[in-house]
PDB file of N, CA and C in Angstrom:
ATOM      1  N   UNK A   1       0.828  -1.175   0.000  1.00  0.00           N
ATOM      2  CA  UNK A   1       0.000   0.000   0.000  1.00  0.00           C
ATOM      3  C   UNK A   1       0.882   1.252   0.000  1.00  0.00           C
ATOM      4  N   UNK A   2       0.524   2.221  -0.805  1.00  0.00           N
ATOM      5  CA  UNK A   2       1.283   3.456  -0.934  1.00  0.00           C
ATOM      6  C   UNK A   2       0.486   4.589  -0.303  1.00  0.00           C
ATOM      7  N   UNK A   3       1.143   5.342   0.592  1.00  0.00           N
ATOM      8  CA  UNK A   3       0.513   6.511   1.186  1.00  0.00           C
ATOM      9  C   UNK A   3       0.589   7.655   0.180  1.00  0.00           C
ATOM     10  N   UNK A   4      -0.529   8.276  -0.111  1.00  0.00           N
ATOM     11  CA  UNK A   4      -0.549   9.378  -1.073  1.00  0.00           C
ATOM     12  C   UNK A   4       0.240  10.564  -0.529  1.00  0.00           C
ATOM     13  N   UNK A   5       1.008  11.177  -1.423  1.00  0.00           N
ATOM     14  CA  UNK A   5       1.843  12.324  -1.070  1.00  0.00           C
ATOM     15  C   UNK A   5       1.651  13.389  -2.146  1.00  0.00           C
ATOM     16  N   UNK A   6       1.505  14.645  -1.742  1.00  0.00           N
ATOM     17  CA  UNK A   6       1.415  15.751  -2.696  1.00  0.00           C
ATOM     18  C   UNK A   6       2.803  16.367  -2.813  1.00  0.00           C
ATOM     19  N   UNK A   7       3.519  15.973  -3.851  1.00  0.00           N
ATOM     20  CA  UNK A   7       4.910  16.397  -4.025  1.00  0.00           C
ATOM     21  C   UNK A   7       5.232  16.325  -5.508  1.00  0.00           C
ATOM     22  N   UNK A   8       5.879  17.337  -6.063  1.00  0.00           N
ATOM     23  CA  UNK A   8       6.143  17.320  -7.502  1.00  0.00           C
ATOM     24  C   UNK A   8       7.064  16.192  -7.960  1.00  0.00           C
ATOM     25  N   UNK A   9       7.879  15.646  -7.064  1.00  0.00           N
ATOM     26  CA  UNK A   9       8.846  14.626  -7.455  1.00  0.00           C
ATOM     27  C   UNK A   9       8.463  13.217  -7.030  1.00  0.00           C
ATOM     28  N   UNK A  10       7.199  13.037  -6.616  1.00  0.00           N
ATOM     29  CA  UNK A  10       6.700  11.714  -6.235  1.00  0.00           C
ATOM     30  C   UNK A  10       5.401  11.475  -7.007  1.00  0.00           C
ATOM     31  N   UNK A  11       5.354  10.352  -7.742  1.00  0.00           N
ATOM     32  CA  UNK A  11       4.175  10.059  -8.556  1.00  0.00           C
ATOM     33  C   UNK A  11       3.056   9.469  -7.699  1.00  0.00           C
ATOM     34  N   UNK A  12       1.881   9.363  -8.280  1.00  0.00           N
ATOM     35  CA  UNK A  12       0.738   8.808  -7.557  1.00  0.00           C
ATOM     36  C   UNK A  12       0.915   7.328  -7.230  1.00  0.00           C
ATOM     37  N   UNK A  13       1.790   6.633  -7.944  1.00  0.00           N
ATOM     38  CA  UNK A  13       2.032   5.221  -7.633  1.00  0.00           C
ATOM     39  C   UNK A  13       3.259   5.019  -6.759  1.00  0.00           C
ATOM     40  N   UNK A  14       3.853   6.111  -6.272  1.00  0.00           N
ATOM     41  CA  UNK A  14       4.956   6.012  -5.322  1.00  0.00           C
ATOM     42  C   UNK A  14       6.347   6.092  -5.927  1.00  0.00           C
ATOM     43  N   UNK A  15       6.455   6.265  -7.232  1.00  0.00           N
ATOM     44  CA  UNK A  15       7.769   6.413  -7.847  1.00  0.00           C
ATOM     45  C   UNK A  15       8.377   7.737  -7.401  1.00  0.00           C
ATOM     46  N   UNK A  16       9.692   7.708  -7.143  1.00  0.00           N
ATOM     47  CA  UNK A  16      10.384   8.884  -6.614  1.00  0.00           C
ATOM     48  C   UNK A  16      11.452   9.331  -7.602  1.00  0.00           C
ATOM     49  N   UNK A  17      11.473  10.613  -7.873  1.00  0.00           N
ATOM     50  CA  UNK A  17      12.453  11.187  -8.795  1.00  0.00           C
ATOM     51  C   UNK A  17      13.552  11.859  -7.973  1.00  0.00           C
ATOM     52  N   UNK A  18      14.593  11.104  -7.678  1.00  0.00           N
ATOM     53  CA  UNK A  18      15.734  11.657  -6.948  1.00  0.00           C
ATOM     54  C   UNK A  18      16.994  11.066  -7.571  1.00  0.00           C
ATOM     55  N   UNK A  19      17.992  11.902  -7.802  1.00  0.00           N
ATOM     56  CA  UNK A  19      19.165  11.478  -8.561  1.00  0.00           C
ATOM     57  C   UNK A  19      19.940  10.319  -7.946  1.00  0.00           C
ATOM     58  N   UNK A  20      19.953  10.192  -6.614  1.00  0.00           N
ATOM     59  CA  UNK A  20      20.711   9.093  -6.010  1.00  0.00           C
ATOM     60  C   UNK A  20      20.062   7.735  -6.227  1.00  0.00           C
ATOM     61  N   UNK A  21      18.808   7.725  -6.653  1.00  0.00           N
ATOM     62  CA  UNK A  21      18.169   6.452  -6.988  1.00  0.00           C
ATOM     63  C   UNK A  21      18.302   6.143  -8.476  1.00  0.00           C
ATOM     64  N   UNK A  22      18.857   7.076  -9.236  1.00  0.00           N
ATOM     65  CA  UNK A  22      18.989   6.899 -10.681  1.00  0.00           C
ATOM     66  C   UNK A  22      20.448   7.055 -11.106  1.00  0.00           C
ATOM     67  N   UNK A  23      20.772   8.202 -11.692  1.00  0.00           N
ATOM     68  CA  UNK A  23      22.091   8.366 -12.297  1.00  0.00           C
ATOM     69  C   UNK A  23      23.248   8.479 -11.299  1.00  0.00           C
ATOM     70  N   UNK A  24      23.009   8.866 -10.078  1.00  0.00           N
ATOM     71  CA  UNK A  24      24.086   8.972  -9.086  1.00  0.00           C
ATOM     72  C   UNK A  24      24.183   7.740  -8.169  1.00  0.00           C
ATOM     73  N   UNK A  25      23.420   6.700  -8.484  1.00  0.00           N
ATOM     74  CA  UNK A  25      23.426   5.482  -7.672  1.00  0.00           C
ATOM     75  C   UNK A  25      24.790   4.790  -7.743  1.00  0.00           C
ATOM     76  N   UNK A  26      25.278   4.370  -6.568  1.00  0.00           N
ATOM     77  CA  UNK A  26      26.510   3.581  -6.482  1.00  0.00           C
ATOM     78  C   UNK A  26      26.240   2.419  -5.532  1.00  0.00           C
ATOM     79  N   UNK A  27      26.710   1.231  -5.846  1.00  0.00           N
ATOM     80  CA  UNK A  27      26.466   0.069  -4.984  1.00  0.00           C
ATOM     81  C   UNK A  27      26.998   0.243  -3.562  1.00  0.00           C
ATOM     82  N   UNK A  28      28.006   1.083  -3.391  1.00  0.00           N
ATOM     83  CA  UNK A  28      28.587   1.279  -2.062  1.00  0.00           C
ATOM     84  C   UNK A  28      27.877   2.306  -1.204  1.00  0.00           C
ATOM     85  N   UNK A  29      26.770   2.865  -1.682  1.00  0.00           N
ATOM     86  CA  UNK A  29      26.055   3.884  -0.898  1.00  0.00           C
ATOM     87  C   UNK A  29      25.487   3.269   0.370  1.00  0.00           C
ATOM     88  N   UNK A  30      25.532   4.041   1.429  1.00  0.00           N
ATOM     89  CA  UNK A  30      24.983   3.568   2.698  1.00  0.00           C
ATOM     90  C   UNK A  30      23.505   3.923   2.794  1.00  0.00           C
ATOM     91  N   UNK A  31      22.832   3.253   3.689  1.00  0.00           N
ATOM     92  CA  UNK A  31      21.424   3.558   3.927  1.00  0.00           C
ATOM     93  C   UNK A  31      21.271   5.005   4.397  1.00  0.00           C
ATOM     94  N   UNK A  32      22.198   5.477   5.208  1.00  0.00           N
ATOM     95  CA  UNK A  32      22.147   6.854   5.684  1.00  0.00           C
ATOM     96  C   UNK A  32      22.218   7.841   4.514  1.00  0.00           C
ATOM     97  N   UNK A  33      23.086   7.579   3.539  1.00  0.00           N
ATOM     98  CA  UNK A  33      23.185   8.461   2.377  1.00  0.00           C
ATOM     99  C   UNK A  33      21.871   8.481   1.590  1.00  0.00           C
ATOM    100  N   UNK A  34      21.259   7.323   1.425  1.00  0.00           N
ATOM    101  CA  UNK A  34      19.979   7.254   0.718  1.00  0.00           C
ATOM    102  C   UNK A  34      18.884   8.007   1.464  1.00  0.00           C
ATOM    103  N   UNK A  35      18.816   7.812   2.771  1.00  0.00           N
ATOM    104  CA  UNK A  35      17.786   8.493   3.559  1.00  0.00           C
ATOM    105  C   UNK A  35      18.002  10.003   3.594  1.00  0.00           C
ATOM    106  N   UNK A  36      19.271  10.432   3.652  1.00  0.00           N
ATOM    107  CA  UNK A  36      19.547  11.867   3.615  1.00  0.00           C
ATOM    108  C   UNK A  36      19.151  12.461   2.263  1.00  0.00           C
ATOM    109  N   UNK A  37      19.362  11.715   1.188  1.00  0.00           N
ATOM    110  CA  UNK A  37      18.935  12.171  -0.135  1.00  0.00           C
ATOM    111  C   UNK A  37      17.427  12.305  -0.218  1.00  0.00           C
ATOM    112  N   UNK A  38      16.717  11.333   0.345  1.00  0.00           N
ATOM    113  CA  UNK A  38      15.253  11.387   0.355  1.00  0.00           C
ATOM    114  C   UNK A  38      14.768  12.568   1.202  1.00  0.00           C
ATOM    115  N   UNK A  39      15.402  12.766   2.341  1.00  0.00           N
ATOM    116  CA  UNK A  39      15.029  13.879   3.211  1.00  0.00           C
ATOM    117  C   UNK A  39      15.244  15.214   2.490  1.00  0.00           C
ATOM    118  N   UNK A  40      16.350  15.323   1.772  1.00  0.00           N
ATOM    119  CA  UNK A  40      16.631  16.540   1.022  1.00  0.00           C
ATOM    120  C   UNK A  40      15.565  16.809  -0.034  1.00  0.00           C
ATOM    121  N   UNK A  41      15.134  15.745  -0.715  1.00  0.00           N
ATOM    122  CA  UNK A  41      14.089  15.905  -1.730  1.00  0.00           C
ATOM    123  C   UNK A  41      12.772  16.356  -1.098  1.00  0.00           C
ATOM    124  N   UNK A  42      12.422  15.790   0.043  1.00  0.00           N
ATOM    125  CA  UNK A  42      11.176  16.172   0.703  1.00  0.00           C
ATOM    126  C   UNK A  42      11.224  17.618   1.186  1.00  0.00           C
ATOM    127  N   UNK A  43      12.389  18.054   1.627  1.00  0.00           N
ATOM    128  CA  UNK A  43      12.526  19.429   2.115  1.00  0.00           C
ATOM    129  C   UNK A  43      12.598  20.449   0.989  1.00  0.00           C
ATOM    130  N   UNK A  44      13.157  20.047  -0.143  1.00  0.00           N
ATOM    131  CA  UNK A  44      13.360  20.980  -1.251  1.00  0.00           C
ATOM    132  C   UNK A  44      12.861  20.368  -2.560  1.00  0.00           C
ATOM    133  N   UNK A  45      11.557  20.376  -2.779  1.00  0.00           N
ATOM    134  CA  UNK A  45      11.005  19.819  -4.015  1.00  0.00           C
ATOM    135  C   UNK A  45      11.563  20.538  -5.245  1.00  0.00           C
ATOM    136  N   UNK A  46      11.653  19.802  -6.351  1.00  0.00           N
ATOM    137  CA  UNK A  46      12.132  20.375  -7.598  1.00  0.00           C
ATOM    138  C   UNK A  46      11.008  20.333  -8.634  1.00  0.00           C
ATOM    139  N   UNK A  47      10.251  21.413  -8.767  1.00  0.00           N
ATOM    140  CA  UNK A  47       9.134  21.412  -9.710  1.00  0.00           C
ATOM    141  C   UNK A  47       9.586  21.418 -11.170  1.00  0.00           C
ATOM    142  N   UNK A  48      10.884  21.597 -11.422  1.00  0.00           N
ATOM    143  CA  UNK A  48      11.392  21.585 -12.794  1.00  0.00           C
ATOM    144  C   UNK A  48      11.680  20.173 -13.301  1.00  0.00           C
ATOM    145  N   UNK A  49      11.573  19.169 -12.423  1.00  0.00           N
ATOM    146  CA  UNK A  49      11.768  17.767 -12.815  1.00  0.00           C
ATOM    147  C   UNK A  49      10.636  16.938 -12.198  1.00  0.00           C
ATOM    148  N   UNK A  50       9.391  17.205 -12.608  1.00  0.00           N
ATOM    149  CA  UNK A  50       8.252  16.624 -11.896  1.00  0.00           C
ATOM    150  C   UNK A  50       7.854  15.220 -12.358  1.00  0.00           C
ATOM    151  N   UNK A  51       7.325  14.475 -11.418  1.00  0.00           N
ATOM    152  CA  UNK A  51       6.581  13.252 -11.706  1.00  0.00           C
ATOM    153  C   UNK A  51       5.096  13.520 -11.524  1.00  0.00           C
ATOM    154  N   UNK A  52       4.776  14.495 -10.679  1.00  0.00           N
ATOM    155  CA  UNK A  52       3.389  14.932 -10.489  1.00  0.00           C
ATOM    156  C   UNK A  52       3.258  16.329 -11.090  1.00  0.00           C
ATOM    157  N   UNK A  53       2.701  16.363 -12.285  1.00  0.00           N
ATOM    158  CA  UNK A  53       2.556  17.643 -12.984  1.00  0.00           C
ATOM    159  C   UNK A  53       1.633  18.601 -12.228  1.00  0.00           C
ATOM    160  N   UNK A  54       0.593  18.065 -11.592  1.00  0.00           N
ATOM    161  CA  UNK A  54      -0.347  18.911 -10.855  1.00  0.00           C
ATOM    162  C   UNK A  54       0.336  19.602  -9.683  1.00  0.00           C
ATOM    163  N   UNK A  55       1.104  18.833  -8.911  1.00  0.00           N
ATOM    164  CA  UNK A  55       1.802  19.416  -7.760  1.00  0.00           C
ATOM    165  C   UNK A  55       2.845  20.431  -8.226  1.00  0.00           C
ATOM    166  N   UNK A  56       3.564  20.100  -9.297  1.00  0.00           N
ATOM    167  CA  UNK A  56       4.584  21.016  -9.809  1.00  0.00           C
ATOM    168  C   UNK A  56       3.958  22.311 -10.317  1.00  0.00           C
ATOM    169  N   UNK A  57       2.853  22.193 -11.041  1.00  0.00           N
ATOM    170  CA  UNK A  57       2.187  23.391 -11.566  1.00  0.00           C
ATOM    171  C   UNK A  57       1.669  24.265 -10.432  1.00  0.00           C
ATOM    172  N   UNK A  58       1.095  23.644  -9.415  1.00  0.00           N
ATOM    173  CA  UNK A  58       0.591  24.424  -8.290  1.00  0.00           C
ATOM    174  C   UNK A  58       1.740  25.141  -7.596  1.00  0.00           C
ATOM    175  N   UNK A  59       2.847  24.436  -7.415  1.00  0.00           N
ATOM    176  CA  UNK A  59       3.996  25.015  -6.718  1.00  0.00           C
ATOM    177  C   UNK A  59       4.605  26.180  -7.504  1.00  0.00           C
ATOM    178  N   UNK A  60       4.721  26.013  -8.822  1.00  0.00           N
ATOM    179  CA  UNK A  60       5.381  27.028  -9.649  1.00  0.00           C
ATOM    180  C   UNK A  60       4.457  28.144 -10.129  1.00  0.00           C
ATOM    181  N   UNK A  61       3.247  27.770 -10.520  1.00  0.00           N
ATOM    182  CA  UNK A  61       2.421  28.726 -11.250  1.00  0.00           C
ATOM    183  C   UNK A  61       1.244  29.287 -10.469  1.00  0.00           C
ATOM    184  N   UNK A  62       0.734  28.522  -9.524  1.00  0.00           N
ATOM    185  CA  UNK A  62      -0.509  28.941  -8.878  1.00  0.00           C
ATOM    186  C   UNK A  62      -0.225  29.738  -7.610  1.00  0.00           C
ATOM    187  N   UNK A  63       0.146  29.025  -6.553  1.00  0.00           N
ATOM    188  CA  UNK A  63       0.248  29.699  -5.265  1.00  0.00           C
ATOM    189  C   UNK A  63       1.021  28.806  -4.298  1.00  0.00           C
ATOM    190  N   UNK A  64       2.108  29.315  -3.761  1.00  0.00           N
ATOM    191  CA  UNK A  64       2.927  28.549  -2.817  1.00  0.00           C
ATOM    192  C   UNK A  64       2.138  28.195  -1.554  1.00  0.00           C
ATOM    193  N   UNK A  65       1.293  29.108  -1.084  1.00  0.00           N
ATOM    194  CA  UNK A  65       0.487  28.839   0.106  1.00  0.00           C
ATOM    195  C   UNK A  65      -0.496  27.706  -0.155  1.00  0.00           C
ATOM    196  N   UNK A  66      -1.116  27.699  -1.321  1.00  0.00           N
ATOM    197  CA  UNK A  66      -2.047  26.628  -1.668  1.00  0.00           C
ATOM    198  C   UNK A  66      -1.302  25.292  -1.779  1.00  0.00           C
ATOM    199  N   UNK A  67      -0.106  25.311  -2.349  1.00  0.00           N
ATOM    200  CA  UNK A  67       0.714  24.100  -2.447  1.00  0.00           C
ATOM    201  C   UNK A  67       0.998  23.534  -1.051  1.00  0.00           C
ATOM    202  N   UNK A  68       1.459  24.389  -0.145  1.00  0.00           N
ATOM    203  CA  UNK A  68       1.778  23.924   1.211  1.00  0.00           C
ATOM    204  C   UNK A  68       0.530  23.449   1.945  1.00  0.00           C
ATOM    205  N   UNK A  69      -0.597  24.123   1.762  1.00  0.00           N
ATOM    206  CA  UNK A  69      -1.856  23.698   2.389  1.00  0.00           C
ATOM    207  C   UNK A  69      -2.284  22.328   1.880  1.00  0.00           C
ATOM    208  N   UNK A  70      -2.096  22.085   0.595  1.00  0.00           N
ATOM    209  CA  UNK A  70      -2.437  20.784   0.021  1.00  0.00           C
ATOM    210  C   UNK A  70      -1.515  19.707   0.573  1.00  0.00           C
ATOM    211  N   UNK A  71      -0.230  20.024   0.748  1.00  0.00           N
ATOM    212  CA  UNK A  71       0.712  19.072   1.361  1.00  0.00           C
ATOM    213  C   UNK A  71       0.252  18.682   2.768  1.00  0.00           C
ATOM    214  N   UNK A  72      -0.127  19.675   3.546  1.00  0.00           N
ATOM    215  CA  UNK A  72      -0.599  19.420   4.911  1.00  0.00           C
ATOM    216  C   UNK A  72      -1.869  18.578   4.881  1.00  0.00           C
ATOM    217  N   UNK A  73      -2.799  18.902   4.001  1.00  0.00           N
ATOM    218  CA  UNK A  73      -4.049  18.142   3.898  1.00  0.00           C
ATOM    219  C   UNK A  73      -3.779  16.681   3.529  1.00  0.00           C
ATOM    220  N   UNK A  74      -2.876  16.434   2.575  1.00  0.00           N
ATOM    221  CA  UNK A  74      -2.534  15.064   2.203  1.00  0.00           C
ATOM    222  C   UNK A  74      -1.895  14.327   3.376  1.00  0.00           C
ATOM    223  N   UNK A  75      -0.995  15.008   4.089  1.00  0.00           N
ATOM    224  CA  UNK A  75      -0.331  14.371   5.231  1.00  0.00           C
ATOM    225  C   UNK A  75      -1.354  13.978   6.286  1.00  0.00           C
ATOM    226  N   UNK A  76      -2.246  14.890   6.610  1.00  0.00           N
ATOM    227  CA  UNK A  76      -3.264  14.591   7.613  1.00  0.00           C
ATOM    228  C   UNK A  76      -4.194  13.481   7.139  1.00  0.00           C
ATOM    229  N   UNK A  77      -4.692  13.599   5.921  1.00  0.00           N
ATOM    230  CA  UNK A  77      -5.679  12.656   5.399  1.00  0.00           C
ATOM    231  C   UNK A  77      -5.109  11.266   5.167  1.00  0.00           C
ATOM    232  N   UNK A  78      -3.937  11.194   4.555  1.00  0.00           N
ATOM    233  CA  UNK A  78      -3.438   9.899   4.109  1.00  0.00           C
ATOM    234  C   UNK A  78      -2.349   9.304   4.995  1.00  0.00           C
ATOM    235  N   UNK A  79      -1.693  10.088   5.826  1.00  0.00           N
ATOM    236  CA  UNK A  79      -0.645   9.542   6.686  1.00  0.00           C
ATOM    237  C   UNK A  79      -1.120   9.438   8.136  1.00  0.00           C
ATOM    238  N   UNK A  80      -1.531  10.569   8.730  1.00  0.00           N
ATOM    239  CA  UNK A  80      -1.948  10.537  10.127  1.00  0.00           C
ATOM    240  C   UNK A  80      -3.180   9.679  10.346  1.00  0.00           C
ATOM    241  N   UNK A  81      -4.179   9.856   9.515  1.00  0.00           N
ATOM    242  CA  UNK A  81      -5.418   9.090   9.701  1.00  0.00           C
ATOM    243  C   UNK A  81      -5.165   7.595   9.533  1.00  0.00           C
ATOM    244  N   UNK A  82      -4.298   7.238   8.590  1.00  0.00           N
ATOM    245  CA  UNK A  82      -3.971   5.829   8.401  1.00  0.00           C
ATOM    246  C   UNK A  82      -3.240   5.288   9.627  1.00  0.00           C
ATOM    247  N   UNK A  83      -2.307   6.068  10.146  1.00  0.00           N
ATOM    248  CA  UNK A  83      -1.558   5.654  11.335  1.00  0.00           C
ATOM    249  C   UNK A  83      -2.493   5.488  12.529  1.00  0.00           C
ATOM    250  N   UNK A  84      -3.373   6.457  12.749  1.00  0.00           N
ATOM    251  CA  UNK A  84      -4.283   6.374  13.883  1.00  0.00           C
ATOM    252  C   UNK A  84      -5.261   5.211  13.750  1.00  0.00           C
ATOM    253  N   UNK A  85      -5.700   4.924  12.537  1.00  0.00           N
ATOM    254  CA  UNK A  85      -6.626   3.803  12.367  1.00  0.00           C
ATOM    255  C   UNK A  85      -5.932   2.482  12.676  1.00  0.00           C
ATOM    256  N   UNK A  86      -4.654   2.376  12.361  1.00  0.00           N
ATOM    257  CA  UNK A  86      -3.902   1.161  12.693  1.00  0.00           C
ATOM    258  C   UNK A  86      -3.693   1.075  14.197  1.00  0.00           C
ATOM    259  N   UNK A  87      -3.380   2.194  14.825  1.00  0.00           N
ATOM    260  CA  UNK A  87      -3.137   2.194  16.271  1.00  0.00           C
ATOM    261  C   UNK A  87      -4.405   1.911  17.065  1.00  0.00           C
ATOM    262  N   UNK A  88      -5.571   2.219  16.517  1.00  0.00           N
ATOM    263  CA  UNK A  88      -6.814   2.054  17.238  1.00  0.00           C
ATOM    264  C   UNK A  88      -7.438   0.661  17.046  1.00  0.00           C
ATOM    265  N   UNK A  89      -6.772  -0.199  16.271  1.00  0.00           N
ATOM    266  CA  UNK A  89      -7.300  -1.549  16.082  1.00  0.00           C
ATOM    267  C   UNK A  89      -7.286  -2.308  17.405  1.00  0.00           C
ATOM    268  N   UNK A  90      -8.288  -3.152  17.654  1.00  0.00           N
ATOM    269  CA  UNK A  90      -8.272  -3.938  18.885  1.00  0.00           C
ATOM    270  C   UNK A  90      -7.116  -4.923  18.849  1.00  0.00           C
ATOM    271  N   UNK A  91      -6.582  -5.267  20.010  1.00  0.00           N
ATOM    272  CA  UNK A  91      -5.463  -6.229  20.060  1.00  0.00           C
ATOM    273  C   UNK A  91      -5.880  -7.581  19.501  1.00  0.00           C
ATOM    274  N   UNK A  92      -4.932  -8.239  18.855  1.00  0.00           N
ATOM    275  CA  UNK A  92      -5.177  -9.572  18.309  1.00  0.00           C
ATOM    276  C   UNK A  92      -5.124 -10.583  19.455  1.00  0.00           C
ATOM    277  N   UNK A  93      -6.118 -11.458  19.507  1.00  0.00           N
ATOM    278  CA  UNK A  93      -6.155 -12.445  20.605  1.00  0.00           C
ATOM    279  C   UNK A  93      -5.689 -13.790  20.120  1.00  0.00           C
TER     280      UNK A  93
END
């Protein structure tokens, strides 16, 4: 299952556009290097290399505030609510 994310460099099916997973990939990379690369992408989206055209267009052409509000709405709707629903399940007997 893929958690929906509103981000110009992440597609609706979960594909991620980050250089360390493509052309800069090296077999000797550590997990820490990969996670730092992912963190950098999440902190600094690149709307000039989009996988989600809608998110990129909103970020570049429409309104930065609307883009950030949509990010927050997706996080709340698809990440927090999913986490809370899992945490609220009755214990398995």
